[in-house]
Amino acid sequence: MTQQGGYGKTTSIFMRGTNSDHVLVLIDGIKVGSASLGTTPFE
């Protein structure tokens, strides 16, 4: 994980070395995240 600062700053998750947009994130079975960027704001 990388984070560009403290609380609420851009956070990137690299799972098994893949890109930060190679992780599917679901909340209660619903796909979440930015459709424009392709990443999820975990922060």
ModelCIF file with pLDDT and N, C-alpha, C, O atoms, coordinates in Angstrom:
data_MODEL
#
_entry.id   MODEL 
#
_entity.id                         1 
_entity.type                       polymer 
_entity.pdbx_number_of_molecules   1 
#
_entity_poly.entity_id                      1 
_entity_poly.type                           'polypeptide(L)' 
_entity_poly.nstd_linkage                   no 
_entity_poly.nstd_monomer                   no 
_entity_poly.pdbx_seq_one_letter_code       MTQQGGYGKTTSIFMRGTNSDHVLVLIDGIKVGSASLGTTPFE 
_entity_poly.pdbx_seq_one_letter_code_can   MTQQGGYGKTTSIFMRGTNSDHVLVLIDGIKVGSASLGTTPFE 
_entity_poly.pdbx_strand_id                 A 
#
loop_
_entity_poly_seq.entity_id 
_entity_poly_seq.num 
_entity_poly_seq.mon_id 
_entity_poly_seq.hetero 
1 1  MET n 
1 2  THR n 
1 3  GLN n 
1 4  GLN n 
1 5  GLY n 
1 6  GLY n 
1 7  TYR n 
1 8  GLY n 
1 9  LYS n 
1 10 THR n 
1 11 THR n 
1 12 SER n 
1 13 ILE n 
1 14 PHE n 
1 15 MET n 
1 16 ARG n 
1 17 GLY n 
1 18 THR n 
1 19 ASN n 
1 20 SER n 
1 21 ASP n 
1 22 HIS n 
1 23 VAL n 
1 24 LEU n 
1 25 VAL n 
1 26 LEU n 
1 27 ILE n 
1 28 ASP n 
1 29 GLY n 
1 30 ILE n 
1 31 LYS n 
1 32 VAL n 
1 33 GLY n 
1 34 SER n 
1 35 ALA n 
1 36 SER n 
1 37 LEU n 
1 38 GLY n 
1 39 THR n 
1 40 THR n 
1 41 PRO n 
1 42 PHE n 
1 43 GLU n 
#
_struct_asym.id          A 
_struct_asym.entity_id   1 
#
loop_
_ma_qa_metric.id 
_ma_qa_metric.mode 
_ma_qa_metric.name 
_ma_qa_metric.software_group_id 
_ma_qa_metric.type 
1 global pLDDT . pLDDT 
2 local  pLDDT . pLDDT 
#
_ma_qa_metric_global.metric_id      1 
_ma_qa_metric_global.metric_value   97.28 
_ma_qa_metric_global.model_id       1 
_ma_qa_metric_global.ordinal_id     1 
#
loop_
_ma_qa_metric_local.label_asym_id 
_ma_qa_metric_local.label_comp_id 
_ma_qa_metric_local.label_seq_id 
_ma_qa_metric_local.metric_id 
_ma_qa_metric_local.metric_value 
_ma_qa_metric_local.model_id 
_ma_qa_metric_local.ordinal_id 
A MET 1  2 97.00 1 1  
A THR 2  2 97.00 1 2  
A GLN 3  2 97.00 1 3  
A GLN 4  2 97.00 1 4  
A GLY 5  2 97.00 1 5  
A GLY 6  2 96.00 1 6  
A TYR 7  2 97.00 1 7  
A GLY 8  2 97.00 1 8  
A LYS 9  2 98.00 1 9  
A THR 10 2 97.00 1 10 
A THR 11 2 98.00 1 11 
A SER 12 2 97.00 1 12 
A ILE 13 2 98.00 1 13 
A PHE 14 2 98.00 1 14 
A MET 15 2 98.00 1 15 
A ARG 16 2 98.00 1 16 
A GLY 17 2 97.00 1 17 
A THR 18 2 98.00 1 18 
A ASN 19 2 97.00 1 19 
A SER 20 2 96.00 1 20 
A ASP 21 2 97.00 1 21 
A HIS 22 2 98.00 1 22 
A VAL 23 2 98.00 1 23 
A LEU 24 2 98.00 1 24 
A VAL 25 2 98.00 1 25 
A LEU 26 2 98.00 1 26 
A ILE 27 2 98.00 1 27 
A ASP 28 2 97.00 1 28 
A GLY 29 2 97.00 1 29 
A ILE 30 2 98.00 1 30 
A LYS 31 2 98.00 1 31 
A VAL 32 2 98.00 1 32 
A GLY 33 2 97.00 1 33 
A SER 34 2 97.00 1 34 
A ALA 35 2 96.00 1 35 
A SER 36 2 96.00 1 36 
A LEU 37 2 96.00 1 37 
A GLY 38 2 95.00 1 38 
A THR 39 2 97.00 1 39 
A THR 40 2 97.00 1 40 
A PRO 41 2 98.00 1 41 
A PHE 42 2 98.00 1 42 
A GLU 43 2 98.00 1 43 
#
loop_
_atom_site.group_PDB 
_atom_site.id 
_atom_site.type_symbol 
_atom_site.label_atom_id 
_atom_site.label_alt_id 
_atom_site.label_comp_id 
_atom_site.label_asym_id 
_atom_site.label_entity_id 
_atom_site.label_seq_id 
_atom_site.pdbx_PDB_ins_code 
_atom_site.Cartn_x 
_atom_site.Cartn_y 
_atom_site.Cartn_z 
_atom_site.occupancy 
_atom_site.B_iso_or_equiv 
_atom_site.pdbx_formal_charge 
_atom_site.auth_seq_id 
_atom_site.auth_comp_id 
_atom_site.auth_asym_id 
_atom_site.auth_atom_id 
_atom_site.pdbx_PDB_model_num 
ATOM 1   N N  . MET A 1 1  ? 0.827   -1.204 0.000   1.00 97.00 ? 1  MET A N  1 
ATOM 2   C CA . MET A 1 1  ? 0.000   0.000  0.000   1.00 97.00 ? 1  MET A CA 1 
ATOM 3   C C  . MET A 1 1  ? 0.856   1.247  0.000   1.00 97.00 ? 1  MET A C  1 
ATOM 4   O O  . MET A 1 1  ? 1.861   1.318  0.708   1.00 97.00 ? 1  MET A O  1 
ATOM 5   N N  . THR A 1 2  ? 0.463   2.233  -0.792  1.00 97.00 ? 2  THR A N  1 
ATOM 6   C CA . THR A 1 2  ? 1.091   3.546  -0.735  1.00 97.00 ? 2  THR A CA 1 
ATOM 7   C C  . THR A 1 2  ? 0.025   4.582  -0.433  1.00 97.00 ? 2  THR A C  1 
ATOM 8   O O  . THR A 1 2  ? -1.139  4.431  -0.804  1.00 97.00 ? 2  THR A O  1 
ATOM 9   N N  . GLN A 1 3  ? 0.452   5.647  0.257   1.00 97.00 ? 3  GLN A N  1 
ATOM 10  C CA . GLN A 1 3  ? -0.471  6.723  0.599   1.00 97.00 ? 3  GLN A CA 1 
ATOM 11  C C  . GLN A 1 3  ? 0.263   8.043  0.460   1.00 97.00 ? 3  GLN A C  1 
ATOM 12  O O  . GLN A 1 3  ? 1.381   8.191  0.954   1.00 97.00 ? 3  GLN A O  1 
ATOM 13  N N  . GLN A 1 4  ? -0.359  9.002  -0.208  1.00 97.00 ? 4  GLN A N  1 
ATOM 14  C CA . GLN A 1 4  ? 0.275   10.269 -0.517  1.00 97.00 ? 4  GLN A CA 1 
ATOM 15  C C  . GLN A 1 4  ? -0.079  11.313 0.536   1.00 97.00 ? 4  GLN A C  1 
ATOM 16  O O  . GLN A 1 4  ? -0.716  12.326 0.249   1.00 97.00 ? 4  GLN A O  1 
ATOM 17  N N  . GLY A 1 5  ? 0.359   11.030 1.779   1.00 97.00 ? 5  GLY A N  1 
ATOM 18  C CA . GLY A 1 5  ? 0.087   11.924 2.885   1.00 97.00 ? 5  GLY A CA 1 
ATOM 19  C C  . GLY A 1 5  ? -0.622  11.186 4.001   1.00 97.00 ? 5  GLY A C  1 
ATOM 20  O O  . GLY A 1 5  ? -0.469  9.974  4.146   1.00 97.00 ? 5  GLY A O  1 
ATOM 21  N N  . GLY A 1 6  ? -1.408  11.921 4.801   1.00 96.00 ? 6  GLY A N  1 
ATOM 22  C CA . GLY A 1 6  ? -2.070  11.362 5.967   1.00 96.00 ? 6  GLY A CA 1 
ATOM 23  C C  . GLY A 1 6  ? -3.488  10.903 5.686   1.00 96.00 ? 6  GLY A C  1 
ATOM 24  O O  . GLY A 1 6  ? -3.784  10.383 4.610   1.00 96.00 ? 6  GLY A O  1 
ATOM 25  N N  . TYR A 1 7  ? -4.371  11.102 6.676   1.00 97.00 ? 7  TYR A N  1 
ATOM 26  C CA . TYR A 1 7  ? -5.761  10.683 6.539   1.00 97.00 ? 7  TYR A CA 1 
ATOM 27  C C  . TYR A 1 7  ? -6.395  11.302 5.290   1.00 97.00 ? 7  TYR A C  1 
ATOM 28  O O  . TYR A 1 7  ? -6.210  12.485 5.004   1.00 97.00 ? 7  TYR A O  1 
ATOM 29  N N  . GLY A 1 8  ? -7.146  10.475 4.555   1.00 97.00 ? 8  GLY A N  1 
ATOM 30  C CA . GLY A 1 8  ? -7.917  10.969 3.426   1.00 97.00 ? 8  GLY A CA 1 
ATOM 31  C C  . GLY A 1 8  ? -7.128  11.258 2.172   1.00 97.00 ? 8  GLY A C  1 
ATOM 32  O O  . GLY A 1 8  ? -7.669  11.831 1.226   1.00 97.00 ? 8  GLY A O  1 
ATOM 33  N N  . LYS A 1 9  ? -5.849  10.875 2.134   1.00 98.00 ? 9  LYS A N  1 
ATOM 34  C CA . LYS A 1 9  ? -5.048  11.152 0.938   1.00 98.00 ? 9  LYS A CA 1 
ATOM 35  C C  . LYS A 1 9  ? -5.014  9.919  0.035   1.00 98.00 ? 9  LYS A C  1 
ATOM 36  O O  . LYS A 1 9  ? -5.253  8.800  0.489   1.00 98.00 ? 9  LYS A O  1 
ATOM 37  N N  . THR A 1 10 ? -4.719  10.134 -1.232  1.00 97.00 ? 10 THR A N  1 
ATOM 38  C CA . THR A 1 10 ? -4.790  9.087  -2.249  1.00 97.00 ? 10 THR A CA 1 
ATOM 39  C C  . THR A 1 10 ? -4.058  7.830  -1.795  1.00 97.00 ? 10 THR A C  1 
ATOM 40  O O  . THR A 1 10 ? -2.870  7.867  -1.477  1.00 97.00 ? 10 THR A O  1 
ATOM 41  N N  . THR A 1 11 ? -4.788  6.722  -1.769  1.00 98.00 ? 11 THR A N  1 
ATOM 42  C CA . THR A 1 11 ? -4.261  5.435  -1.321  1.00 98.00 ? 11 THR A CA 1 
ATOM 43  C C  . THR A 1 11 ? -4.334  4.440  -2.463  1.00 98.00 ? 11 THR A C  1 
ATOM 44  O O  . THR A 1 11 ? -5.380  4.286  -3.092  1.00 98.00 ? 11 THR A O  1 
ATOM 45  N N  . SER A 1 12 ? -3.218  3.758  -2.734  1.00 97.00 ? 12 SER A N  1 
ATOM 46  C CA . SER A 1 12 ? -3.154  2.757  -3.794  1.00 97.00 ? 12 SER A CA 1 
ATOM 47  C C  . SER A 1 12 ? -2.855  1.396  -3.187  1.00 97.00 ? 12 SER A C  1 
ATOM 48  O O  . SER A 1 12 ? -1.960  1.261  -2.352  1.00 97.00 ? 12 SER A O  1 
ATOM 49  N N  . ILE A 1 13 ? -3.608  0.390  -3.610  1.00 98.00 ? 13 ILE A N  1 
ATOM 50  C CA . ILE A 1 13 ? -3.434  -0.981 -3.137  1.00 98.00 ? 13 ILE A CA 1 
ATOM 51  C C  . ILE A 1 13 ? -2.891  -1.828 -4.283  1.00 98.00 ? 13 ILE A C  1 
ATOM 52  O O  . ILE A 1 13 ? -3.514  -1.926 -5.340  1.00 98.00 ? 13 ILE A O  1 
ATOM 53  N N  . PHE A 1 14 ? -1.728  -2.438 -4.067  1.00 98.00 ? 14 PHE A N  1 
ATOM 54  C CA . PHE A 1 14 ? -1.123  -3.332 -5.053  1.00 98.00 ? 14 PHE A CA 1 
ATOM 55  C C  . PHE A 1 14 ? -1.214  -4.757 -4.489  1.00 98.00 ? 14 PHE A C  1 
ATOM 56  O O  . PHE A 1 14 ? -0.468  -5.118 -3.579  1.00 98.00 ? 14 PHE A O  1 
ATOM 57  N N  . MET A 1 15 ? -2.116  -5.545 -5.026  1.00 98.00 ? 15 MET A N  1 
ATOM 58  C CA . MET A 1 15 ? -2.310  -6.895 -4.523  1.00 98.00 ? 15 MET A CA 1 
ATOM 59  C C  . MET A 1 15 ? -1.485  -7.867 -5.354  1.00 98.00 ? 15 MET A C  1 
ATOM 60  O O  . MET A 1 15 ? -1.656  -7.961 -6.569  1.00 98.00 ? 15 MET A O  1 
ATOM 61  N N  . ARG A 1 16 ? -0.594  -8.585 -4.690  1.00 98.00 ? 16 ARG A N  1 
ATOM 62  C CA . ARG A 1 16 ? 0.331   -9.511 -5.347  1.00 98.00 ? 16 ARG A CA 1 
ATOM 63  C C  . ARG A 1 16 ? 1.086   -8.835 -6.496  1.00 98.00 ? 16 ARG A C  1 
ATOM 64  O O  . ARG A 1 16 ? 1.334   -9.449 -7.534  1.00 98.00 ? 16 ARG A O  1 
ATOM 65  N N  . GLY A 1 17 ? 1.438   -7.588 -6.300  1.00 97.00 ? 17 GLY A N  1 
ATOM 66  C CA . GLY A 1 17 ? 2.271   -6.869 -7.256  1.00 97.00 ? 17 GLY A CA 1 
ATOM 67  C C  . GLY A 1 17 ? 1.560   -6.342 -8.477  1.00 97.00 ? 17 GLY A C  1 
ATOM 68  O O  . GLY A 1 17 ? 2.197   -5.709 -9.320  1.00 97.00 ? 17 GLY A O  1 
ATOM 69  N N  . THR A 1 18 ? 0.254   -6.575 -8.613  1.00 98.00 ? 18 THR A N  1 
ATOM 70  C CA . THR A 1 18 ? -0.476  -6.072 -9.774  1.00 98.00 ? 18 THR A CA 1 
ATOM 71  C C  . THR A 1 18 ? -0.766  -4.586 -9.603  1.00 98.00 ? 18 THR A C  1 
ATOM 72  O O  . THR A 1 18 ? -0.489  -4.012 -8.549  1.00 98.00 ? 18 THR A O  1 
ATOM 73  N N  . ASN A 1 19 ? -1.321  -3.967 -10.633 1.00 97.00 ? 19 ASN A N  1 
ATOM 74  C CA . ASN A 1 19 ? -1.589  -2.538 -10.593 1.00 97.00 ? 19 ASN A CA 1 
ATOM 75  C C  . ASN A 1 19 ? -2.692  -2.211 -9.590  1.00 97.00 ? 19 ASN A C  1 
ATOM 76  O O  . ASN A 1 19 ? -3.448  -3.088 -9.170  1.00 97.00 ? 19 ASN A O  1 
ATOM 77  N N  . SER A 1 20 ? -2.771  -0.938 -9.213  1.00 96.00 ? 20 SER A N  1 
ATOM 78  C CA . SER A 1 20 ? -3.762  -0.522 -8.221  1.00 96.00 ? 20 SER A CA 1 
ATOM 79  C C  . SER A 1 20 ? -5.184  -0.602 -8.760  1.00 96.00 ? 20 SER A C  1 
ATOM 80  O O  . SER A 1 20 ? -6.135  -0.594 -7.978  1.00 96.00 ? 20 SER A O  1 
ATOM 81  N N  . ASP A 1 21 ? -5.353  -0.679 -10.085 1.00 97.00 ? 21 ASP A N  1 
ATOM 82  C CA . ASP A 1 21 ? -6.699  -0.847 -10.646 1.00 97.00 ? 21 ASP A CA 1 
ATOM 83  C C  . ASP A 1 21 ? -6.975  -2.302 -11.026 1.00 97.00 ? 21 ASP A C  1 
ATOM 84  O O  . ASP A 1 21 ? -7.911  -2.583 -11.775 1.00 97.00 ? 21 ASP A O  1 
ATOM 85  N N  . HIS A 1 22 ? -6.171  -3.216 -10.516 1.00 98.00 ? 22 HIS A N  1 
ATOM 86  C CA . HIS A 1 22 ? -6.362  -4.650 -10.753 1.00 98.00 ? 22 HIS A CA 1 
ATOM 87  C C  . HIS A 1 22 ? -6.992  -5.339 -9.545  1.00 98.00 ? 22 HIS A C  1 
ATOM 88  O O  . HIS A 1 22 ? -6.873  -6.554 -9.390  1.00 98.00 ? 22 HIS A O  1 
ATOM 89  N N  . VAL A 1 23 ? -7.661  -4.567 -8.691  1.00 98.00 ? 23 VAL A N  1 
ATOM 90  C CA . VAL A 1 23 ? -8.338  -5.104 -7.515  1.00 98.00 ? 23 VAL A CA 1 
ATOM 91  C C  . VAL A 1 23 ? -9.812  -4.747 -7.613  1.00 98.00 ? 23 VAL A C  1 
ATOM 92  O O  . VAL A 1 23 ? -10.163 -3.570 -7.698  1.00 98.00 ? 23 VAL A O  1 
ATOM 93  N N  . LEU A 1 24 ? -10.667 -5.744 -7.603  1.00 98.00 ? 24 LEU A N  1 
ATOM 94  C CA . LEU A 1 24 ? -12.101 -5.502 -7.585  1.00 98.00 ? 24 LEU A CA 1 
ATOM 95  C C  . LEU A 1 24 ? -12.535 -5.275 -6.149  1.00 98.00 ? 24 LEU A C  1 
ATOM 96  O O  . LEU A 1 24 ? -12.194 -6.058 -5.263  1.00 98.00 ? 24 LEU A O  1 
ATOM 97  N N  . VAL A 1 25 ? -13.288 -4.203 -5.913  1.00 98.00 ? 25 VAL A N  1 
ATOM 98  C CA . VAL A 1 25 ? -13.756 -3.866 -4.574  1.00 98.00 ? 25 VAL A CA 1 
ATOM 99  C C  . VAL A 1 25 ? -15.280 -3.881 -4.566  1.00 98.00 ? 25 VAL A C  1 
ATOM 100 O O  . VAL A 1 25 ? -15.929 -3.236 -5.390  1.00 98.00 ? 25 VAL A O  1 
ATOM 101 N N  . LEU A 1 26 ? -15.834 -4.625 -3.622  1.00 98.00 ? 26 LEU A N  1 
ATOM 102 C CA . LEU A 1 26 ? -17.274 -4.728 -3.445  1.00 98.00 ? 26 LEU A CA 1 
ATOM 103 C C  . LEU A 1 26 ? -17.647 -4.265 -2.048  1.00 98.00 ? 26 LEU A C  1 
ATOM 104 O O  . LEU A 1 26 ? -16.908 -4.501 -1.092  1.00 98.00 ? 26 LEU A O  1 
ATOM 105 N N  . ILE A 1 27 ? -18.792 -3.609 -1.928  1.00 98.00 ? 27 ILE A N  1 
ATOM 106 C CA . ILE A 1 27 ? -19.382 -3.316 -0.632  1.00 98.00 ? 27 ILE A CA 1 
ATOM 107 C C  . ILE A 1 27 ? -20.753 -3.968 -0.607  1.00 98.00 ? 27 ILE A C  1 
ATOM 108 O O  . ILE A 1 27 ? -21.650 -3.578 -1.354  1.00 98.00 ? 27 ILE A O  1 
ATOM 109 N N  . ASP A 1 28 ? -20.910 -4.964 0.259   1.00 97.00 ? 28 ASP A N  1 
ATOM 110 C CA . ASP A 1 28 ? -22.156 -5.735 0.336   1.00 97.00 ? 28 ASP A CA 1 
ATOM 111 C C  . ASP A 1 28 ? -22.564 -6.276 -1.025  1.00 97.00 ? 28 ASP A C  1 
ATOM 112 O O  . ASP A 1 28 ? -23.745 -6.279 -1.372  1.00 97.00 ? 28 ASP A O  1 
ATOM 113 N N  . GLY A 1 29 ? -21.579 -6.735 -1.798  1.00 97.00 ? 29 GLY A N  1 
ATOM 114 C CA . GLY A 1 29 ? -21.845 -7.342 -3.096  1.00 97.00 ? 29 GLY A CA 1 
ATOM 115 C C  . GLY A 1 29 ? -21.989 -6.370 -4.231  1.00 97.00 ? 29 GLY A C  1 
ATOM 116 O O  . GLY A 1 29 ? -22.176 -6.798 -5.370  1.00 97.00 ? 29 GLY A O  1 
ATOM 117 N N  . ILE A 1 30 ? -21.911 -5.052 -3.977  1.00 98.00 ? 30 ILE A N  1 
ATOM 118 C CA . ILE A 1 30 ? -22.071 -4.026 -5.005  1.00 98.00 ? 30 ILE A CA 1 
ATOM 119 C C  . ILE A 1 30 ? -20.692 -3.492 -5.404  1.00 98.00 ? 30 ILE A C  1 
ATOM 120 O O  . ILE A 1 30 ? -19.903 -3.103 -4.542  1.00 98.00 ? 30 ILE A O  1 
ATOM 121 N N  . LYS A 1 31 ? -20.404 -3.472 -6.701  1.00 98.00 ? 31 LYS A N  1 
ATOM 122 C CA . LYS A 1 31 ? -19.124 -2.972 -7.193  1.00 98.00 ? 31 LYS A CA 1 
ATOM 123 C C  . LYS A 1 31 ? -19.020 -1.477 -6.941  1.00 98.00 ? 31 LYS A C  1 
ATOM 124 O O  . LYS A 1 31 ? -19.950 -0.728 -7.240  1.00 98.00 ? 31 LYS A O  1 
ATOM 125 N N  . VAL A 1 32 ? -17.881 -1.035 -6.387  1.00 98.00 ? 32 VAL A N  1 
ATOM 126 C CA . VAL A 1 32 ? -17.687 0.369  -6.053  1.00 98.00 ? 32 VAL A CA 1 
ATOM 127 C C  . VAL A 1 32 ? -16.418 0.885  -6.720  1.00 98.00 ? 32 VAL A C  1 
ATOM 128 O O  . VAL A 1 32 ? -15.662 0.127  -7.328  1.00 98.00 ? 32 VAL A O  1 
ATOM 129 N N  . GLY A 1 33 ? -16.203 2.197  -6.592  1.00 97.00 ? 33 GLY A N  1 
ATOM 130 C CA . GLY A 1 33 ? -15.005 2.816  -7.145  1.00 97.00 ? 33 GLY A CA 1 
ATOM 131 C C  . GLY A 1 33 ? -15.342 3.781  -8.263  1.00 97.00 ? 33 GLY A C  1 
ATOM 132 O O  . GLY A 1 33 ? -16.499 3.931  -8.655  1.00 97.00 ? 33 GLY A O  1 
ATOM 133 N N  . SER A 1 34 ? -14.310 4.429  -8.764  1.00 97.00 ? 34 SER A N  1 
ATOM 134 C CA . SER A 1 34 ? -14.459 5.423  -9.823  1.00 97.00 ? 34 SER A CA 1 
ATOM 135 C C  . SER A 1 34 ? -14.443 4.749  -11.188 1.00 97.00 ? 34 SER A C  1 
ATOM 136 O O  . SER A 1 34 ? -13.480 4.058  -11.521 1.00 97.00 ? 34 SER A O  1 
ATOM 137 N N  . ALA A 1 35 ? -15.494 4.938  -11.985 1.00 96.00 ? 35 ALA A N  1 
ATOM 138 C CA . ALA A 1 35 ? -15.521 4.389  -13.339 1.00 96.00 ? 35 ALA A CA 1 
ATOM 139 C C  . ALA A 1 35 ? -14.609 5.167  -14.267 1.00 96.00 ? 35 ALA A C  1 
ATOM 140 O O  . ALA A 1 35 ? -14.179 4.641  -15.294 1.00 96.00 ? 35 ALA A O  1 
ATOM 141 N N  . SER A 1 36 ? -14.302 6.420  -13.921 1.00 96.00 ? 36 SER A N  1 
ATOM 142 C CA . SER A 1 36 ? -13.411 7.212  -14.775 1.00 96.00 ? 36 SER A CA 1 
ATOM 143 C C  . SER A 1 36 ? -11.950 6.856  -14.528 1.00 96.00 ? 36 SER A C  1 
ATOM 144 O O  . SER A 1 36 ? -11.191 6.678  -15.480 1.00 96.00 ? 36 SER A O  1 
ATOM 145 N N  . LEU A 1 37 ? -11.545 6.748  -13.263 1.00 96.00 ? 37 LEU A N  1 
ATOM 146 C CA . LEU A 1 37 ? -10.162 6.391  -12.938 1.00 96.00 ? 37 LEU A CA 1 
ATOM 147 C C  . LEU A 1 37 ? -9.924  4.886  -12.976 1.00 96.00 ? 37 LEU A C  1 
ATOM 148 O O  . LEU A 1 37 ? -8.841  4.436  -13.352 1.00 96.00 ? 37 LEU A O  1 
ATOM 149 N N  . GLY A 1 38 ? -10.933 4.105  -12.589 1.00 95.00 ? 38 GLY A N  1 
ATOM 150 C CA . GLY A 1 38 ? -10.771 2.656  -12.515 1.00 95.00 ? 38 GLY A CA 1 
ATOM 151 C C  . GLY A 1 38 ? -10.227 2.171  -11.189 1.00 95.00 ? 38 GLY A C  1 
ATOM 152 O O  . GLY A 1 38 ? -9.898  0.993  -11.052 1.00 95.00 ? 38 GLY A O  1 
ATOM 153 N N  . THR A 1 39 ? -10.123 3.061  -10.203 1.00 97.00 ? 39 THR A N  1 
ATOM 154 C CA . THR A 1 39 ? -9.606  2.685  -8.883  1.00 97.00 ? 39 THR A CA 1 
ATOM 155 C C  . THR A 1 39 ? -10.648 3.009  -7.811  1.00 97.00 ? 39 THR A C  1 
ATOM 156 O O  . THR A 1 39 ? -11.656 3.663  -8.077  1.00 97.00 ? 39 THR A O  1 
ATOM 157 N N  . THR A 1 40 ? -10.376 2.534  -6.590  1.00 97.00 ? 40 THR A N  1 
ATOM 158 C CA . THR A 1 40 ? -11.294 2.727  -5.468  1.00 97.00 ? 40 THR A CA 1 
ATOM 159 C C  . THR A 1 40 ? -10.652 3.630  -4.425  1.00 97.00 ? 40 THR A C  1 
ATOM 160 O O  . THR A 1 40 ? -9.502  3.401  -4.051  1.00 97.00 ? 40 THR A O  1 
ATOM 161 N N  . PRO A 1 41 ? -11.357 4.646  -3.944  1.00 98.00 ? 41 PRO A N  1 
ATOM 162 C CA . PRO A 1 41 ? -10.804 5.522  -2.895  1.00 98.00 ? 41 PRO A CA 1 
ATOM 163 C C  . PRO A 1 41 ? -10.933 4.884  -1.514  1.00 98.00 ? 41 PRO A C  1 
ATOM 164 O O  . PRO A 1 41 ? -11.835 5.229  -0.751  1.00 98.00 ? 41 PRO A O  1 
ATOM 165 N N  . PHE A 1 42 ? -10.040 3.963  -1.197  1.00 98.00 ? 42 PHE A N  1 
ATOM 166 C CA . PHE A 1 42 ? -10.076 3.294  0.103   1.00 98.00 ? 42 PHE A CA 1 
ATOM 167 C C  . PHE A 1 42 ? -10.040 4.300  1.249   1.00 98.00 ? 42 PHE A C  1 
ATOM 168 O O  . PHE A 1 42 ? -10.591 4.046  2.320   1.00 98.00 ? 42 PHE A O  1 
ATOM 169 N N  . GLU A 1 43 ? -9.393  5.441  1.023   1.00 98.00 ? 43 GLU A N  1 
ATOM 170 C CA . GLU A 1 43 ? -9.209  6.424  2.082   1.00 98.00 ? 43 GLU A CA 1 
ATOM 171 C C  . GLU A 1 43 ? -10.523 7.054  2.527   1.00 98.00 ? 43 GLU A C  1 
ATOM 172 O O  . GLU A 1 43 ? -10.530 7.905  3.417   1.00 98.00 ? 43 GLU A O  1 
#
